[in-house]
Amino acid sequence: MERLTFEFGDGVARITFSAPERGNAIDAQWARQFRDIASALHRRSNLRVVMIRSQGKAFCVGGDLRAFAESADPGTALGGLADDLHAGLLMLTELDAPVIVSVQGAAAGAGMSLVLAADLAIAGAAASFTVAYTRVGLSPDGGCSYWLPRLVGHRRAKELMLTNRRVGADEAREIGVVNEVVEDAALEERAEELAAQVAVGPTSSYGTVKRLLEATERASLAEQLAAESAAIALAADSPNGREGIAAFVEKRRPAFTAR
């Protein structure tokens, strides 16, 4: 049974979690499919935006604990799953194309990690978020310990990881876990609207923005300024930079490309 489905058209990749009867729980097959889809996206030169969404009442309830419990060697099983999940996440975050996630229902454990790793996140009003790992004696994966403190601050990240407190959609927006909250019935339409907006933008510039922002945690001001100078010089000579400047001067809408 397929855990994920994948569609691509007009520069938009749509990854859908398609096992709603399991709460879209992550098992070894899920993680391998996710890794393979991300790898395929890495090779697409015409990719403009990636959408991640799910079927059913829950976005993703996290790892499939029953599968781990049935394993003769749960440590090896869970370690291998995490390696595949992490490989997929790394490939997605390295894309120039922005990653948009739309969340309905529960996002727990690695499900929440997937939300944190996205570039833009939209939640339905009934969405909820729980770190959940320490509740079952585990530690975070999926980049949760990397992204959560960057988004919400170290003190609040520690609270959420240690207490597993459930965060509703409105609070998630207030603390920076998601960008916006819409009515549940409007979630799919809003996600598609945002994807369409991003898909006609300068994908190469989006990639530069992502890399510059990621570097701020380890760069000094001088290093960041130097990186900005180098990046904007390259952008000015790129097809999208030339097109954007020309369109501004000529008072017309720019026709940006994926490169």
Protein backbone atom coordinates (compact mmCIF):
# COMPACT_ATOMS: atom_id res chain seq x y z
CA MET A 1 0.00 0.00 0.00
CA GLU A 2 1.32 3.42 -0.96
CA ARG A 3 1.85 5.72 2.02
CA LEU A 4 2.44 8.79 -0.15
CA THR A 5 1.25 9.95 -3.54
CA PHE A 6 3.08 12.33 -5.84
CA GLU A 7 1.92 14.57 -8.68
CA PHE A 8 3.80 17.12 -10.77
CA GLY A 9 2.48 19.71 -13.19
CA ASP A 10 3.19 23.31 -14.22
CA GLY A 11 6.21 23.45 -11.95
CA VAL A 12 4.23 22.44 -8.84
CA ALA A 13 5.02 19.20 -7.00
CA ARG A 14 2.28 17.87 -4.72
CA ILE A 15 3.19 15.31 -2.06
CA THR A 16 0.14 13.87 -0.32
CA PHE A 17 0.17 11.67 2.77
CA SER A 18 -2.35 9.04 1.73
CA ALA A 19 -2.85 6.62 4.60
CA PRO A 20 -5.57 8.40 6.60
CA GLU A 21 -6.75 5.21 8.27
CA ARG A 22 -3.35 5.09 10.01
CA GLY A 23 -3.27 8.78 10.84
CA ASN A 24 -0.60 9.03 8.12
CA ALA A 25 1.82 7.46 10.59
CA ILE A 26 5.43 7.17 9.49
CA ASP A 27 6.86 3.68 9.05
CA ALA A 28 9.88 2.40 7.13
CA GLN A 29 7.99 2.26 3.83
CA TRP A 30 6.73 5.83 4.30
CA ALA A 31 10.25 7.11 5.01
CA ARG A 32 11.71 5.36 1.95
CA GLN A 33 8.99 6.77 -0.30
CA PHE A 34 9.53 10.25 1.12
CA ARG A 35 13.29 10.02 0.54
CA ASP A 36 12.81 8.78 -3.03
CA ILE A 37 10.31 11.53 -3.89
CA ALA A 38 12.63 14.19 -2.51
CA SER A 39 15.51 12.74 -4.52
CA ALA A 40 13.44 12.86 -7.70
CA LEU A 41 12.53 16.50 -7.02
CA HIS A 42 16.20 17.35 -6.61
CA ARG A 43 16.74 16.39 -10.23
CA ARG A 44 13.89 18.50 -11.69
CA SER A 45 15.12 21.66 -13.37
CA ASN A 46 11.58 23.06 -13.82
CA LEU A 47 10.46 22.79 -10.19
CA ARG A 48 8.87 25.99 -8.84
CA VAL A 49 7.16 24.99 -5.58
CA VAL A 50 6.55 21.89 -3.43
CA MET A 51 3.25 21.35 -1.66
CA ILE A 52 2.94 18.89 1.25
CA ARG A 53 -0.57 17.95 2.34
CA SER A 54 -2.49 15.00 3.72
CA GLN A 55 -5.72 13.05 3.50
CA GLY A 56 -8.00 12.37 6.44
CA LYS A 57 -8.53 13.92 9.84
CA ALA A 58 -4.86 14.02 10.88
CA PHE A 59 -1.94 15.61 9.07
CA CYS A 60 0.54 13.10 10.51
CA VAL A 61 0.55 11.50 13.97
CA GLY A 62 4.29 10.81 13.86
CA GLY A 63 6.10 7.50 13.89
CA ASP A 64 4.23 4.19 13.75
CA LEU A 65 4.88 3.02 17.32
CA ARG A 66 3.16 -0.32 16.77
CA ALA A 67 5.61 -1.16 14.01
CA PHE A 68 8.53 -0.30 16.30
CA ALA A 69 7.06 -2.40 19.13
CA GLU A 70 6.77 -5.42 16.82
CA SER A 71 10.37 -5.13 15.63
CA ALA A 72 12.97 -7.54 17.02
CA ASP A 73 15.48 -4.66 16.98
CA PRO A 74 13.55 -1.39 17.44
CA GLY A 75 16.71 0.68 17.73
CA THR A 76 17.97 -0.39 14.32
CA ALA A 77 14.50 -0.08 12.80
CA LEU A 78 13.92 3.42 14.12
CA GLY A 79 17.45 4.53 13.28
CA GLY A 80 17.05 3.41 9.68
CA LEU A 81 13.69 5.13 9.40
CA ALA A 82 15.16 8.35 10.78
CA ASP A 83 18.05 8.17 8.31
CA ASP A 84 15.66 7.92 5.36
CA LEU A 85 13.39 10.67 6.71
CA HIS A 86 16.38 12.95 7.30
CA ALA A 87 17.81 12.31 3.84
CA GLY A 88 14.48 13.36 2.33
CA LEU A 89 14.22 16.45 4.52
CA LEU A 90 17.74 17.57 3.66
CA MET A 91 17.03 17.27 -0.06
CA LEU A 92 13.81 19.29 0.29
CA THR A 93 15.45 22.06 2.30
CA GLU A 94 18.26 22.33 -0.27
CA LEU A 95 15.80 23.06 -3.09
CA ASP A 96 15.48 26.58 -4.48
CA ALA A 97 11.74 25.92 -4.71
CA PRO A 98 9.83 26.91 -1.57
CA VAL A 99 8.12 24.11 0.35
CA ILE A 100 4.54 24.85 1.45
CA VAL A 101 2.77 22.64 3.99
CA SER A 102 -0.96 22.68 4.76
CA VAL A 103 -2.00 21.14 8.06
CA GLN A 104 -5.36 19.82 9.17
CA GLY A 105 -5.89 17.94 12.40
CA ALA A 106 -3.01 16.58 14.46
CA ALA A 107 0.65 17.10 13.61
CA ALA A 108 2.60 15.14 16.23
CA GLY A 109 6.18 13.93 16.59
CA ALA A 110 7.80 13.74 13.18
CA GLY A 111 4.57 15.10 11.73
CA MET A 112 5.25 18.34 13.58
CA SER A 113 8.90 18.20 12.48
CA LEU A 114 7.77 18.15 8.85
CA VAL A 115 5.74 21.31 9.46
CA LEU A 116 8.70 23.04 11.08
CA ALA A 117 10.98 22.19 8.15
CA ALA A 118 8.69 23.77 5.54
CA ASP A 119 9.31 27.28 4.26
CA LEU A 120 5.66 28.32 4.57
CA ALA A 121 3.00 26.66 6.71
CA ILE A 122 -0.77 27.10 6.69
CA ALA A 123 -3.00 25.49 9.30
CA GLY A 124 -6.69 24.79 9.44
CA ALA A 125 -8.45 26.16 12.49
CA ALA A 126 -8.74 22.68 14.02
CA ALA A 127 -5.05 21.82 13.59
CA SER A 128 -2.95 21.00 16.63
CA PHE A 129 0.76 20.46 17.22
CA THR A 130 2.55 18.26 19.77
CA VAL A 131 6.25 17.41 19.96
CA ALA A 132 5.30 14.10 21.66
CA TYR A 133 8.68 12.30 21.68
CA THR A 134 9.44 12.28 25.41
CA ARG A 135 5.89 11.10 26.10
CA VAL A 136 6.96 7.67 24.82
CA GLY A 137 10.56 7.80 26.08
CA LEU A 138 12.13 8.96 22.82
CA SER A 139 14.05 12.03 21.68
CA PRO A 140 13.21 14.30 18.71
CA ASP A 141 14.01 13.57 15.09
CA GLY A 142 13.04 15.09 11.75
CA GLY A 143 15.04 18.23 12.55
CA CYS A 144 12.73 19.22 15.41
CA SER A 145 15.63 20.14 17.71
CA TYR A 146 17.08 22.28 14.89
CA TRP A 147 13.99 24.13 13.66
CA LEU A 148 11.85 24.53 16.78
CA PRO A 149 14.23 26.76 18.80
CA ARG A 150 14.89 28.86 15.70
CA LEU A 151 11.18 29.43 15.20
CA VAL A 152 9.89 29.81 18.76
CA GLY A 153 12.98 30.48 20.89
CA HIS A 154 15.09 28.16 23.02
CA ARG A 155 13.05 28.49 26.23
CA ARG A 156 9.69 27.74 24.61
CA ALA A 157 11.18 24.94 22.50
CA LYS A 158 12.45 23.25 25.64
CA GLU A 159 9.03 23.59 27.26
CA LEU A 160 7.25 22.03 24.30
CA MET A 161 9.75 19.17 24.10
CA LEU A 162 9.69 18.39 27.83
CA THR A 163 5.97 18.78 28.51
CA ASN A 164 4.50 17.71 25.15
CA ARG A 165 1.89 20.41 25.59
CA ARG A 166 -0.67 20.51 22.79
CA VAL A 167 -0.53 23.76 20.78
CA GLY A 168 -3.65 24.84 18.92
CA ALA A 169 -3.65 26.51 15.53
CA ASP A 170 -3.97 30.10 16.76
CA GLU A 171 -1.15 29.73 19.28
CA ALA A 172 0.98 28.01 16.63
CA ARG A 173 0.61 31.12 14.49
CA GLU A 174 1.40 33.43 17.40
CA ILE A 175 4.63 31.65 18.33
CA GLY A 176 5.84 31.11 14.75
CA VAL A 177 5.13 27.44 14.08
CA VAL A 178 2.80 28.34 11.18
CA ASN A 179 2.39 31.48 9.09
CA GLU A 180 -1.38 31.67 8.95
CA VAL A 181 -4.59 29.97 10.05
CA VAL A 182 -7.69 29.61 7.90
CA GLU A 183 -11.02 27.89 8.29
CA ASP A 184 -10.67 24.15 7.75
CA ALA A 185 -12.92 24.21 4.69
CA ALA A 186 -10.70 26.87 3.07
CA LEU A 187 -7.35 25.17 3.74
CA GLU A 188 -6.86 23.46 0.39
CA GLU A 189 -7.95 26.52 -1.59
CA ARG A 190 -5.62 28.81 0.36
CA ALA A 191 -2.67 26.45 -0.06
CA GLU A 192 -3.24 26.26 -3.81
CA GLU A 193 -3.55 30.04 -3.99
CA LEU A 194 -0.23 30.51 -2.20
CA ALA A 195 1.45 27.89 -4.37
CA ALA A 196 0.23 29.60 -7.53
CA GLN A 197 1.61 32.92 -6.27
CA VAL A 198 5.01 31.44 -5.47
CA ALA A 199 5.19 29.36 -8.65
CA VAL A 200 5.42 32.41 -10.91
CA GLY A 201 8.15 34.03 -8.83
CA PRO A 202 11.95 33.97 -9.22
CA THR A 203 12.75 30.47 -7.95
CA SER A 204 16.50 31.08 -7.99
CA SER A 205 16.05 34.14 -5.75
CA TYR A 206 13.92 32.12 -3.35
CA GLY A 207 16.75 29.61 -3.03
CA THR A 208 19.22 32.38 -2.25
CA VAL A 209 16.89 33.75 0.43
CA LYS A 210 16.64 30.31 2.04
CA ARG A 211 20.41 29.84 2.11
CA LEU A 212 21.08 33.33 3.48
CA LEU A 213 18.57 32.89 6.28
CA GLU A 214 19.91 29.46 7.20
CA ALA A 215 23.44 30.90 7.48
CA THR A 216 22.48 33.62 9.98
CA GLU A 217 22.67 31.25 12.96
CA ARG A 218 26.40 30.68 12.49
CA ALA A 219 27.66 33.76 10.61
CA SER A 220 28.98 37.00 12.02
CA LEU A 221 27.55 40.27 10.73
CA ALA A 222 30.63 40.80 8.57
CA GLU A 223 30.30 37.30 7.10
CA GLN A 224 26.59 37.76 6.45
CA LEU A 225 27.15 41.08 4.72
CA ALA A 226 29.84 39.54 2.53
CA ALA A 227 27.49 36.66 1.65
CA GLU A 228 24.75 39.15 0.77
CA SER A 229 27.11 41.12 -1.48
CA ALA A 230 28.19 38.00 -3.34
CA ALA A 231 24.63 36.72 -3.64
CA ILE A 232 23.09 39.93 -4.96
CA ALA A 233 25.91 40.30 -7.53
CA LEU A 234 25.20 36.80 -8.80
CA ALA A 235 21.47 37.50 -8.81
CA ALA A 236 21.95 40.66 -10.87
CA ASP A 237 23.70 38.65 -13.58
CA SER A 238 21.20 35.79 -13.50
CA PRO A 239 18.31 35.45 -15.98
CA ASN A 240 15.78 36.19 -13.24
CA GLY A 241 17.70 39.21 -12.01
CA ARG A 242 18.03 40.65 -15.50
CA GLU A 243 14.36 39.99 -16.20
CA GLY A 244 13.20 41.49 -12.91
CA ILE A 245 15.18 44.70 -13.40
CA ALA A 246 14.11 45.04 -17.02
CA ALA A 247 10.45 44.47 -16.13
CA PHE A 248 10.62 47.13 -13.42
CA VAL A 249 12.15 49.68 -15.78
CA GLU A 250 9.69 48.81 -18.54
CA LYS A 251 6.71 48.86 -16.13
CA ARG A 252 5.54 45.34 -16.97
CA ARG A 253 5.01 42.08 -15.14
CA PRO A 254 8.24 40.01 -15.00
CA ALA A 255 8.34 36.53 -16.56
CA PHE A 256 10.51 34.66 -14.08
CA THR A 257 11.85 31.13 -14.58
CA ALA A 258 12.88 28.24 -12.33
CA ARG A 259 16.58 29.02 -12.89
